[in-house]
Amino acid sequence: MKNKKLVAAGIIAGVLLTGVVPTFAASLQGAKIANNISTESVATVVSGEDSNFLVADMKLPSNTYILDKEIADVTGDGVNDIIYLIGHKGNTADRFADQLNIVVRNGATNNSEMTDLKKFGGYEGKLFVGDFSGDKVKDVMITAPTGGSGGIVGHMIVNFNAPEPTVIFGAKNNAGTQFTGKFVDGFKAELVNQDTGRSIAIDLNAKKDMYVASQIYSKDGTLLKEVKPMIYPLSLLEPIDMDGDGTYELRGSQSIKGAYGADTISHVDSFWKFENNQWVAKQIEVSSFLLY
């Protein structure tokens, strides 16, 4: 896997912040599900410019399209189901879709159900199926870039192996791990990770000429303006089976911004496992730029 933190000459210092952290809790009351939709109401794919137009016989809004499809057992009955990612677009050529939702056609009963993910949208949404909850039944993950300048990507994970399907990774989880802190004298940023309580100093010397020109620091490293760095939500979230037990963990990547949005001062990689109905941090790695 390519290291997202390689820049310029690719010289990066990593710092590990480890520990079991229960603060990245999943929102277990997320999606409300419209259950027991009859076979007759399941949307039908018709031919068209992209063959993805979804006929609104499911009482769906117009201009609703199938964006992706997977086949897997996500209901836990041993029979493969058909999983559709659907979304609303202005026309077939649009890359952005809002009102993203999951439709699951149960392979054993032929009944279907649809999630209600509210205001979830993004560009070129994709599905991934794999067991994240540890119940030995595959869950459904949606990934959809938001298209913003910060490279933020939206993610949802839904568990269908229950009387009512449940969002186990939602919008709050997509915020990732959090840091607070400030710039200090000597071309440094002092940060505290909110999930571990651990502190770390980020070396800013690689950008000192820019900060001097912007009158944020004097040439001798004296801080002239208050700057409080901000960490962006997840720009990458990858399923990864770290211990080979068949249950997927998550590897997330975020960036920490300094004086303004284009001023990236650090990248953060984190690893998360779903334990006791919440996402627990297993490893957090923070980088500094030695050359920019």
C-alpha atoms as a PDB file:
ATOM      1  CA  MET A   1       0.000   0.000   0.000  1.00  0.00           C
ATOM      2  CA  LYS A   2       1.364   3.335  -0.955  1.00  0.00           C
ATOM      3  CA  ASN A   3       2.291   5.624   1.908  1.00  0.00           C
ATOM      4  CA  LYS A   4       0.163   8.763   1.584  1.00  0.00           C
ATOM      5  CA  LYS A   5       2.638  10.772   3.612  1.00  0.00           C
ATOM      6  CA  LEU A   6       5.463  10.791   1.099  1.00  0.00           C
ATOM      7  CA  VAL A   7       6.146  14.369  -0.084  1.00  0.00           C
ATOM      8  CA  ALA A   8       8.970  16.102  -1.958  1.00  0.00           C
ATOM      9  CA  ALA A   9      12.027  13.966  -1.234  1.00  0.00           C
ATOM     10  CA  GLY A  10       9.783  11.638   0.771  1.00  0.00           C
ATOM     11  CA  ILE A  11      11.395  12.244   4.133  1.00  0.00           C
ATOM     12  CA  ILE A  12       8.902  11.799   6.940  1.00  0.00           C
ATOM     13  CA  ALA A  13       9.122  11.240  10.671  1.00  0.00           C
ATOM     14  CA  GLY A  14       6.387   9.059  12.214  1.00  0.00           C
ATOM     15  CA  VAL A  15       5.252   8.990  15.796  1.00  0.00           C
ATOM     16  CA  LEU A  16       2.996   6.249  17.163  1.00  0.00           C
ATOM     17  CA  LEU A  17       0.249   6.964  19.632  1.00  0.00           C
ATOM     18  CA  THR A  18      -1.150   3.612  20.715  1.00  0.00           C
ATOM     19  CA  GLY A  19      -3.824   2.379  23.055  1.00  0.00           C
ATOM     20  CA  VAL A  20      -7.331   1.024  23.217  1.00  0.00           C
ATOM     21  CA  VAL A  21      -9.563   4.053  22.912  1.00  0.00           C
ATOM     22  CA  PRO A  22     -13.351   3.761  23.262  1.00  0.00           C
ATOM     23  CA  THR A  23     -14.103   7.347  22.294  1.00  0.00           C
ATOM     24  CA  PHE A  24     -14.623   6.746  18.564  1.00  0.00           C
ATOM     25  CA  ALA A  25     -18.096   5.372  19.283  1.00  0.00           C
ATOM     26  CA  ALA A  26     -20.342   4.249  16.477  1.00  0.00           C
ATOM     27  CA  SER A  27     -23.715   5.888  16.072  1.00  0.00           C
ATOM     28  CA  LEU A  28     -25.879   2.793  16.537  1.00  0.00           C
ATOM     29  CA  GLN A  29     -29.157   4.601  16.078  1.00  0.00           C
ATOM     30  CA  GLY A  30     -28.338   5.954  12.644  1.00  0.00           C
ATOM     31  CA  ALA A  31     -30.317   4.707   9.688  1.00  0.00           C
ATOM     32  CA  LYS A  32     -34.015   4.018   9.883  1.00  0.00           C
ATOM     33  CA  ILE A  33     -34.990   1.263   7.478  1.00  0.00           C
ATOM     34  CA  ALA A  34     -38.099   0.857   5.346  1.00  0.00           C
ATOM     35  CA  ASN A  35     -38.559  -2.903   5.885  1.00  0.00           C
ATOM     36  CA  ASN A  36     -40.534  -5.591   4.076  1.00  0.00           C
ATOM     37  CA  ILE A  37     -40.784  -3.954   0.669  1.00  0.00           C
ATOM     38  CA  SER A  38     -42.534  -6.469  -1.580  1.00  0.00           C
ATOM     39  CA  THR A  39     -40.824  -8.191  -4.485  1.00  0.00           C
ATOM     40  CA  GLU A  40     -43.067  -6.305  -6.899  1.00  0.00           C
ATOM     41  CA  SER A  41     -41.815  -2.967  -5.587  1.00  0.00           C
ATOM     42  CA  VAL A  42     -38.151  -3.751  -6.144  1.00  0.00           C
ATOM     43  CA  ALA A  43     -36.733  -1.247  -8.640  1.00  0.00           C
ATOM     44  CA  THR A  44     -36.154  -2.455 -12.168  1.00  0.00           C
ATOM     45  CA  VAL A  45     -33.083  -1.686 -14.273  1.00  0.00           C
ATOM     46  CA  VAL A  46     -33.901  -0.564 -17.795  1.00  0.00           C
ATOM     47  CA  SER A  47     -31.669   0.068 -20.752  1.00  0.00           C
ATOM     48  CA  GLY A  48     -30.455   3.589 -21.360  1.00  0.00           C
ATOM     49  CA  GLU A  49     -27.376   5.672 -21.949  1.00  0.00           C
ATOM     50  CA  ASP A  50     -25.613   4.094 -18.974  1.00  0.00           C
ATOM     51  CA  SER A  51     -28.061   1.230 -18.258  1.00  0.00           C
ATOM     52  CA  ASN A  52     -28.282   2.447 -14.673  1.00  0.00           C
ATOM     53  CA  PHE A  53     -31.599   4.267 -14.583  1.00  0.00           C
ATOM     54  CA  LEU A  54     -33.749   3.011 -11.722  1.00  0.00           C
ATOM     55  CA  VAL A  55     -37.493   2.938 -12.436  1.00  0.00           C
ATOM     56  CA  ALA A  56     -39.355   4.530  -9.538  1.00  0.00           C
ATOM     57  CA  ASP A  57     -41.701   1.570  -8.875  1.00  0.00           C
ATOM     58  CA  MET A  58     -40.259   1.532  -5.357  1.00  0.00           C
ATOM     59  CA  LYS A  59     -41.806   4.944  -4.766  1.00  0.00           C
ATOM     60  CA  LEU A  60     -38.344   6.436  -5.099  1.00  0.00           C
ATOM     61  CA  PRO A  61     -37.774  10.004  -6.302  1.00  0.00           C
ATOM     62  CA  SER A  62     -37.308  10.529 -10.002  1.00  0.00           C
ATOM     63  CA  ASN A  63     -33.783  10.526 -11.419  1.00  0.00           C
ATOM     64  CA  THR A  64     -32.683   7.779  -9.046  1.00  0.00           C
ATOM     65  CA  TYR A  65     -29.891   5.585 -10.386  1.00  0.00           C
ATOM     66  CA  ILE A  66     -28.059   2.394  -9.513  1.00  0.00           C
ATOM     67  CA  LEU A  67     -24.470   3.451  -8.795  1.00  0.00           C
ATOM     68  CA  ASP A  68     -22.972   0.118  -7.775  1.00  0.00           C
ATOM     69  CA  LYS A  69     -24.009  -3.480  -7.071  1.00  0.00           C
ATOM     70  CA  GLU A  70     -22.599  -6.390  -5.044  1.00  0.00           C
ATOM     71  CA  ILE A  71     -23.746  -9.965  -4.410  1.00  0.00           C
ATOM     72  CA  ALA A  72     -23.130 -11.436  -0.943  1.00  0.00           C
ATOM     73  CA  ASP A  73     -24.941 -12.814   2.073  1.00  0.00           C
ATOM     74  CA  VAL A  74     -25.485  -9.774   4.294  1.00  0.00           C
ATOM     75  CA  THR A  75     -28.626 -11.001   6.083  1.00  0.00           C
ATOM     76  CA  GLY A  76     -27.004 -14.034   7.724  1.00  0.00           C
ATOM     77  CA  ASP A  77     -29.243 -16.758   6.288  1.00  0.00           C
ATOM     78  CA  GLY A  78     -26.557 -18.391   4.158  1.00  0.00           C
ATOM     79  CA  VAL A  79     -28.116 -17.255   0.871  1.00  0.00           C
ATOM     80  CA  ASN A  80     -26.544 -14.566  -1.288  1.00  0.00           C
ATOM     81  CA  ASP A  81     -28.392 -11.263  -1.456  1.00  0.00           C
ATOM     82  CA  ILE A  82     -28.215  -8.512  -4.091  1.00  0.00           C
ATOM     83  CA  ILE A  83     -27.000  -5.176  -2.715  1.00  0.00           C
ATOM     84  CA  TYR A  84     -27.591  -1.983  -4.697  1.00  0.00           C
ATOM     85  CA  LEU A  85     -26.166   1.459  -4.049  1.00  0.00           C
ATOM     86  CA  ILE A  86     -28.653   4.014  -5.348  1.00  0.00           C
ATOM     87  CA  GLY A  87     -28.553   7.787  -5.553  1.00  0.00           C
ATOM     88  CA  HIS A  88     -30.297  10.812  -7.026  1.00  0.00           C
ATOM     89  CA  LYS A  89     -28.652  12.616  -9.967  1.00  0.00           C
ATOM     90  CA  GLY A  90     -29.746  15.429 -12.258  1.00  0.00           C
ATOM     91  CA  ASN A  91     -28.929  13.293 -15.275  1.00  0.00           C
ATOM     92  CA  THR A  92     -27.019  10.158 -16.206  1.00  0.00           C
ATOM     93  CA  ALA A  93     -23.803  12.056 -16.970  1.00  0.00           C
ATOM     94  CA  ASP A  94     -23.485  13.570 -13.482  1.00  0.00           C
ATOM     95  CA  ARG A  95     -20.733  12.133 -11.291  1.00  0.00           C
ATOM     96  CA  PHE A  96     -22.244  13.518  -8.081  1.00  0.00           C
ATOM     97  CA  ALA A  97     -25.263  11.843  -6.483  1.00  0.00           C
ATOM     98  CA  ASP A  98     -27.103  12.771  -3.306  1.00  0.00           C
ATOM     99  CA  GLN A  99     -29.689  10.794  -1.322  1.00  0.00           C
ATOM    100  CA  LEU A 100     -27.377   7.773  -1.353  1.00  0.00           C
ATOM    101  CA  ASN A 101     -29.026   4.647   0.040  1.00  0.00           C
ATOM    102  CA  ILE A 102     -28.643   0.880   0.057  1.00  0.00           C
ATOM    103  CA  VAL A 103     -31.292  -1.491  -1.298  1.00  0.00           C
ATOM    104  CA  VAL A 104     -30.907  -5.166  -0.329  1.00  0.00           C
ATOM    105  CA  ARG A 105     -32.924  -7.860  -2.100  1.00  0.00           C
ATOM    106  CA  ASN A 106     -32.999 -10.868   0.225  1.00  0.00           C
ATOM    107  CA  GLY A 107     -31.906 -13.936  -1.715  1.00  0.00           C
ATOM    108  CA  ALA A 108     -34.019 -16.310   0.383  1.00  0.00           C
ATOM    109  CA  THR A 109     -37.296 -14.369   0.554  1.00  0.00           C
ATOM    110  CA  ASN A 110     -37.034 -12.068  -2.499  1.00  0.00           C
ATOM    111  CA  ASN A 111     -38.204  -9.236  -0.252  1.00  0.00           C
ATOM    112  CA  SER A 112     -36.237  -6.002  -0.277  1.00  0.00           C
ATOM    113  CA  GLU A 113     -35.432  -3.249   2.178  1.00  0.00           C
ATOM    114  CA  MET A 114     -33.946   0.204   1.745  1.00  0.00           C
ATOM    115  CA  THR A 115     -31.935   2.339   4.144  1.00  0.00           C
ATOM    116  CA  ASP A 116     -32.709   5.971   4.916  1.00  0.00           C
ATOM    117  CA  LEU A 117     -29.274   7.593   5.148  1.00  0.00           C
ATOM    118  CA  LYS A 118     -30.686  11.140   5.017  1.00  0.00           C
ATOM    119  CA  LYS A 119     -28.231  13.685   3.576  1.00  0.00           C
ATOM    120  CA  PHE A 120     -25.467  11.328   2.485  1.00  0.00           C
ATOM    121  CA  GLY A 121     -24.003  12.095  -0.954  1.00  0.00           C
ATOM    122  CA  GLY A 122     -20.800  12.162  -2.964  1.00  0.00           C
ATOM    123  CA  TYR A 123     -18.990  11.489  -6.224  1.00  0.00           C
ATOM    124  CA  GLU A 124     -18.886   8.022  -7.818  1.00  0.00           C
ATOM    125  CA  GLY A 125     -20.037   6.139  -4.723  1.00  0.00           C
ATOM    126  CA  LYS A 126     -18.838   2.564  -4.346  1.00  0.00           C
ATOM    127  CA  LEU A 127     -19.821  -0.478  -2.281  1.00  0.00           C
ATOM    128  CA  PHE A 128     -17.651  -2.877  -0.300  1.00  0.00           C
ATOM    129  CA  VAL A 129     -18.972  -5.920   1.546  1.00  0.00           C
ATOM    130  CA  GLY A 130     -17.097  -7.513   4.445  1.00  0.00           C
ATOM    131  CA  ASP A 131     -17.536  -8.415   8.092  1.00  0.00           C
ATOM    132  CA  PHE A 132     -16.685  -5.432  10.311  1.00  0.00           C
ATOM    133  CA  SER A 133     -18.871  -6.205  13.325  1.00  0.00           C
ATOM    134  CA  GLY A 134     -17.360  -9.628  14.020  1.00  0.00           C
ATOM    135  CA  ASP A 135     -20.643 -11.546  13.716  1.00  0.00           C
ATOM    136  CA  LYS A 136     -19.265 -13.578  10.755  1.00  0.00           C
ATOM    137  CA  VAL A 137     -21.796 -11.971   8.390  1.00  0.00           C
ATOM    138  CA  LYS A 138     -20.757  -9.382   5.822  1.00  0.00           C
ATOM    139  CA  ASP A 139     -21.673  -5.737   6.358  1.00  0.00           C
ATOM    140  CA  VAL A 140     -22.139  -3.117   3.623  1.00  0.00           C
ATOM    141  CA  MET A 141     -19.751  -0.154   3.319  1.00  0.00           C
ATOM    142  CA  ILE A 142     -20.315   2.912   1.125  1.00  0.00           C
ATOM    143  CA  THR A 143     -17.449   5.179   0.087  1.00  0.00           C
ATOM    144  CA  ALA A 144     -18.187   8.502  -1.637  1.00  0.00           C
ATOM    145  CA  PRO A 145     -15.762  11.449  -2.047  1.00  0.00           C
ATOM    146  CA  THR A 146     -17.414  14.763  -1.188  1.00  0.00           C
ATOM    147  CA  GLY A 147     -15.477  16.708  -3.813  1.00  0.00           C
ATOM    148  CA  GLY A 148     -14.346  19.425  -1.400  1.00  0.00           C
ATOM    149  CA  SER A 149     -10.906  21.025  -1.465  1.00  0.00           C
ATOM    150  CA  GLY A 150      -9.886  19.122   1.664  1.00  0.00           C
ATOM    151  CA  GLY A 151     -10.141  15.730  -0.043  1.00  0.00           C
ATOM    152  CA  ILE A 152     -12.800  14.590   2.440  1.00  0.00           C
ATOM    153  CA  VAL A 153     -14.501  11.269   1.700  1.00  0.00           C
ATOM    154  CA  GLY A 154     -17.799  10.165   3.225  1.00  0.00           C
ATOM    155  CA  HIS A 155     -18.212   6.620   4.553  1.00  0.00           C
ATOM    156  CA  MET A 156     -21.076   4.552   5.930  1.00  0.00           C
ATOM    157  CA  ILE A 157     -21.156   0.947   7.161  1.00  0.00           C
ATOM    158  CA  VAL A 158     -24.492  -0.808   7.669  1.00  0.00           C
ATOM    159  CA  ASN A 159     -25.095  -4.149   9.406  1.00  0.00           C
ATOM    160  CA  PHE A 160     -28.077  -6.059   7.975  1.00  0.00           C
ATOM    161  CA  ASN A 161     -27.761  -9.134  10.236  1.00  0.00           C
ATOM    162  CA  ALA A 162     -30.349  -8.025  12.775  1.00  0.00           C
ATOM    163  CA  PRO A 163     -34.112  -7.536  13.063  1.00  0.00           C
ATOM    164  CA  GLU A 164     -33.478  -3.983  11.872  1.00  0.00           C
ATOM    165  CA  PRO A 165     -30.393  -3.011   9.851  1.00  0.00           C
ATOM    166  CA  THR A 166     -28.129  -0.641  11.750  1.00  0.00           C
ATOM    167  CA  VAL A 167     -25.529   1.956  10.818  1.00  0.00           C
ATOM    168  CA  ILE A 168     -22.359   0.989  12.692  1.00  0.00           C
ATOM    169  CA  PHE A 169     -20.146   3.627  11.050  1.00  0.00           C
ATOM    170  CA  GLY A 170     -21.767   6.987  10.376  1.00  0.00           C
ATOM    171  CA  ALA A 171     -21.165  10.685   9.954  1.00  0.00           C
ATOM    172  CA  LYS A 172     -19.783  11.212  13.476  1.00  0.00           C
ATOM    173  CA  ASN A 173     -17.283   8.391  12.990  1.00  0.00           C
ATOM    174  CA  ASN A 174     -16.134   9.953   9.731  1.00  0.00           C
ATOM    175  CA  ALA A 175     -14.585  12.788  11.767  1.00  0.00           C
ATOM    176  CA  GLY A 176     -11.764  10.373  12.616  1.00  0.00           C
ATOM    177  CA  THR A 177      -9.355  11.008  15.452  1.00  0.00           C
ATOM    178  CA  GLN A 178      -9.117  14.544  16.830  1.00  0.00           C
ATOM    179  CA  PHE A 179      -6.283  16.881  17.837  1.00  0.00           C
ATOM    180  CA  THR A 180      -6.193  20.259  19.539  1.00  0.00           C
ATOM    181  CA  GLY A 181      -3.184  22.523  19.877  1.00  0.00           C
ATOM    182  CA  LYS A 182      -1.381  25.637  18.730  1.00  0.00           C
ATOM    183  CA  PHE A 183       1.710  27.033  17.031  1.00  0.00           C
ATOM    184  CA  VAL A 184       4.488  27.901  19.510  1.00  0.00           C
ATOM    185  CA  ASP A 185       7.866  29.628  19.358  1.00  0.00           C
ATOM    186  CA  GLY A 186      10.617  27.816  17.489  1.00  0.00           C
ATOM    187  CA  PHE A 187       8.607  26.882  14.392  1.00  0.00           C
ATOM    188  CA  LYS A 188       6.655  24.137  16.143  1.00  0.00           C
ATOM    189  CA  ALA A 189       3.059  23.078  16.648  1.00  0.00           C
ATOM    190  CA  GLU A 190       2.153  21.438  19.940  1.00  0.00           C
ATOM    191  CA  LEU A 191      -0.784  19.053  19.556  1.00  0.00           C
ATOM    192  CA  VAL A 192      -2.797  16.857  21.926  1.00  0.00           C
ATOM    193  CA  ASN A 193      -4.683  13.820  20.647  1.00  0.00           C
ATOM    194  CA  GLN A 194      -8.185  13.761  22.140  1.00  0.00           C
ATOM    195  CA  ASP A 195      -8.552   9.976  21.902  1.00  0.00           C
ATOM    196  CA  THR A 196      -5.352   9.065  23.761  1.00  0.00           C
ATOM    197  CA  GLY A 197      -4.431  12.205  25.721  1.00  0.00           C
ATOM    198  CA  ARG A 198      -0.949  11.927  24.245  1.00  0.00           C
ATOM    199  CA  SER A 199       0.868  15.078  23.108  1.00  0.00           C
ATOM    200  CA  ILE A 200       3.208  15.549  20.173  1.00  0.00           C
ATOM    201  CA  ALA A 201       5.292  18.383  18.705  1.00  0.00           C
ATOM    202  CA  ILE A 202       5.189  18.920  14.931  1.00  0.00           C
ATOM    203  CA  ASP A 203       8.326  20.420  13.381  1.00  0.00           C
ATOM    204  CA  LEU A 204       7.387  23.343  11.093  1.00  0.00           C
ATOM    205  CA  ASN A 205      10.906  24.294   9.991  1.00  0.00           C
ATOM    206  CA  ALA A 206      10.320  22.935   6.485  1.00  0.00           C
ATOM    207  CA  LYS A 207       7.847  25.807   5.973  1.00  0.00           C
ATOM    208  CA  LYS A 208       9.519  28.522   8.009  1.00  0.00           C
ATOM    209  CA  ASP A 209      10.233  30.768   4.996  1.00  0.00           C
ATOM    210  CA  MET A 210       6.546  30.785   4.136  1.00  0.00           C
ATOM    211  CA  TYR A 211       5.549  31.538   7.737  1.00  0.00           C
ATOM    212  CA  VAL A 212       8.073  34.387   7.953  1.00  0.00           C
ATOM    213  CA  ALA A 213       6.799  35.848   4.673  1.00  0.00           C
ATOM    214  CA  SER A 214       3.220  35.593   6.017  1.00  0.00           C
ATOM    215  CA  GLN A 215       4.298  37.312   9.266  1.00  0.00           C
ATOM    216  CA  ILE A 216       3.221  34.343  11.341  1.00  0.00           C
ATOM    217  CA  TYR A 217       6.765  33.921  12.686  1.00  0.00           C
ATOM    218  CA  SER A 218       9.720  36.257  12.885  1.00  0.00           C
ATOM    219  CA  LYS A 219      13.006  35.104  11.368  1.00  0.00           C
ATOM    220  CA  ASP A 220      14.274  34.037  14.785  1.00  0.00           C
ATOM    221  CA  GLY A 221      11.229  31.768  15.281  1.00  0.00           C
ATOM    222  CA  THR A 222       9.170  34.021  17.544  1.00  0.00           C
ATOM    223  CA  LEU A 223       5.443  33.453  17.018  1.00  0.00           C
ATOM    224  CA  LEU A 224       3.727  36.655  15.870  1.00  0.00           C
ATOM    225  CA  LYS A 225       0.161  35.434  15.369  1.00  0.00           C
ATOM    226  CA  GLU A 226      -1.970  32.875  17.176  1.00  0.00           C
ATOM    227  CA  VAL A 227      -2.555  29.794  15.019  1.00  0.00           C
ATOM    228  CA  LYS A 228      -4.646  26.833  16.109  1.00  0.00           C
ATOM    229  CA  PRO A 229      -4.241  23.858  13.768  1.00  0.00           C
ATOM    230  CA  MET A 230      -7.311  21.938  12.654  1.00  0.00           C
ATOM    231  CA  ILE A 231      -7.591  18.280  11.682  1.00  0.00           C
ATOM    232  CA  TYR A 232      -9.771  17.450   8.689  1.00  0.00           C
ATOM    233  CA  PRO A 233     -12.185  14.488   8.575  1.00  0.00           C
ATOM    234  CA  LEU A 234     -11.151  11.258   6.920  1.00  0.00           C
ATOM    235  CA  SER A 235      -9.838  11.532   3.381  1.00  0.00           C
ATOM    236  CA  LEU A 236      -9.303   7.779   3.141  1.00  0.00           C
ATOM    237  CA  LEU A 237     -10.821   4.800   4.941  1.00  0.00           C
ATOM    238  CA  GLU A 238      -9.709   1.347   3.881  1.00  0.00           C
ATOM    239  CA  PRO A 239     -10.905  -2.082   5.044  1.00  0.00           C
ATOM    240  CA  ILE A 240      -7.966  -4.157   6.237  1.00  0.00           C
ATOM    241  CA  ASP A 241      -7.906  -7.494   8.052  1.00  0.00           C
ATOM    242  CA  MET A 242      -4.964  -6.742  10.329  1.00  0.00           C
ATOM    243  CA  ASP A 243      -4.895 -10.039  12.230  1.00  0.00           C
ATOM    244  CA  GLY A 244      -6.205 -12.371   9.508  1.00  0.00           C
ATOM    245  CA  ASP A 245      -9.264 -13.500  11.484  1.00  0.00           C
ATOM    246  CA  GLY A 246     -11.779 -12.706   8.743  1.00  0.00           C
ATOM    247  CA  THR A 247     -13.068  -9.542  10.415  1.00  0.00           C
ATOM    248  CA  TYR A 248     -12.073  -6.241   8.835  1.00  0.00           C
ATOM    249  CA  GLU A 249     -10.568  -3.329  10.693  1.00  0.00           C
ATOM    250  CA  LEU A 250     -10.342   0.175   9.249  1.00  0.00           C
ATOM    251  CA  ARG A 251      -7.291   2.190   8.290  1.00  0.00           C
ATOM    252  CA  GLY A 252      -8.018   5.912   8.107  1.00  0.00           C
ATOM    253  CA  SER A 253      -6.000   8.864   6.817  1.00  0.00           C
ATOM    254  CA  GLN A 254      -6.462  12.525   7.731  1.00  0.00           C
ATOM    255  CA  SER A 255      -4.549  15.774   7.337  1.00  0.00           C
ATOM    256  CA  ILE A 256      -3.823  18.483   9.893  1.00  0.00           C
ATOM    257  CA  LYS A 257      -3.990  22.049   8.602  1.00  0.00           C
ATOM    258  CA  GLY A 258      -2.008  24.948  10.023  1.00  0.00           C
ATOM    259  CA  ALA A 259      -2.455  28.630   9.231  1.00  0.00           C
ATOM    260  CA  TYR A 260      -5.043  28.026   6.475  1.00  0.00           C
ATOM    261  CA  GLY A 261      -6.706  25.257   4.512  1.00  0.00           C
ATOM    262  CA  ALA A 262      -3.881  24.747   2.013  1.00  0.00           C
ATOM    263  CA  ASP A 263      -1.269  24.629   4.790  1.00  0.00           C
ATOM    264  CA  THR A 264      -0.923  20.917   5.552  1.00  0.00           C
ATOM    265  CA  ILE A 265       1.449  20.447   8.485  1.00  0.00           C
ATOM    266  CA  SER A 266       0.940  16.737   9.158  1.00  0.00           C
ATOM    267  CA  HIS A 267      -0.757  13.560   8.021  1.00  0.00           C
ATOM    268  CA  VAL A 268      -2.384  11.130  10.456  1.00  0.00           C
ATOM    269  CA  ASP A 269      -2.915   7.411   9.913  1.00  0.00           C
ATOM    270  CA  SER A 270      -5.130   5.512  12.330  1.00  0.00           C
ATOM    271  CA  PHE A 271      -6.310   1.906  12.737  1.00  0.00           C
ATOM    272  CA  TRP A 272      -9.724   1.081  14.231  1.00  0.00           C
ATOM    273  CA  LYS A 273     -11.498  -2.096  15.341  1.00  0.00           C
ATOM    274  CA  PHE A 274     -15.197  -2.543  16.122  1.00  0.00           C
ATOM    275  CA  GLU A 275     -15.418  -3.841  19.690  1.00  0.00           C
ATOM    276  CA  ASN A 276     -18.366  -3.804  22.113  1.00  0.00           C
ATOM    277  CA  ASN A 277     -20.497  -1.797  19.684  1.00  0.00           C
ATOM    278  CA  GLN A 278     -17.958   0.982  19.218  1.00  0.00           C
ATOM    279  CA  TRP A 279     -14.885   1.777  17.149  1.00  0.00           C
ATOM    280  CA  VAL A 280     -11.701   1.452  19.193  1.00  0.00           C
ATOM    281  CA  ALA A 281      -8.397   3.041  18.165  1.00  0.00           C
ATOM    282  CA  LYS A 282      -5.585   0.505  17.971  1.00  0.00           C
ATOM    283  CA  GLN A 283      -2.865   2.724  16.513  1.00  0.00           C
ATOM    284  CA  ILE A 284      -2.435   6.400  15.615  1.00  0.00           C
ATOM    285  CA  GLU A 285       0.575   7.557  13.614  1.00  0.00           C
ATOM    286  CA  VAL A 286       1.474  11.233  13.098  1.00  0.00           C
ATOM    287  CA  SER A 287       4.031  12.572  10.582  1.00  0.00           C
ATOM    288  CA  SER A 288       6.171  15.707  10.320  1.00  0.00           C
ATOM    289  CA  PHE A 289       7.576  17.217   7.131  1.00  0.00           C
ATOM    290  CA  LEU A 290      11.373  17.292   7.142  1.00  0.00           C
ATOM    291  CA  LEU A 291      11.449  18.623   3.580  1.00  0.00           C
ATOM    292  CA  TYR A 292       8.660  20.485   1.814  1.00  0.00           C
END
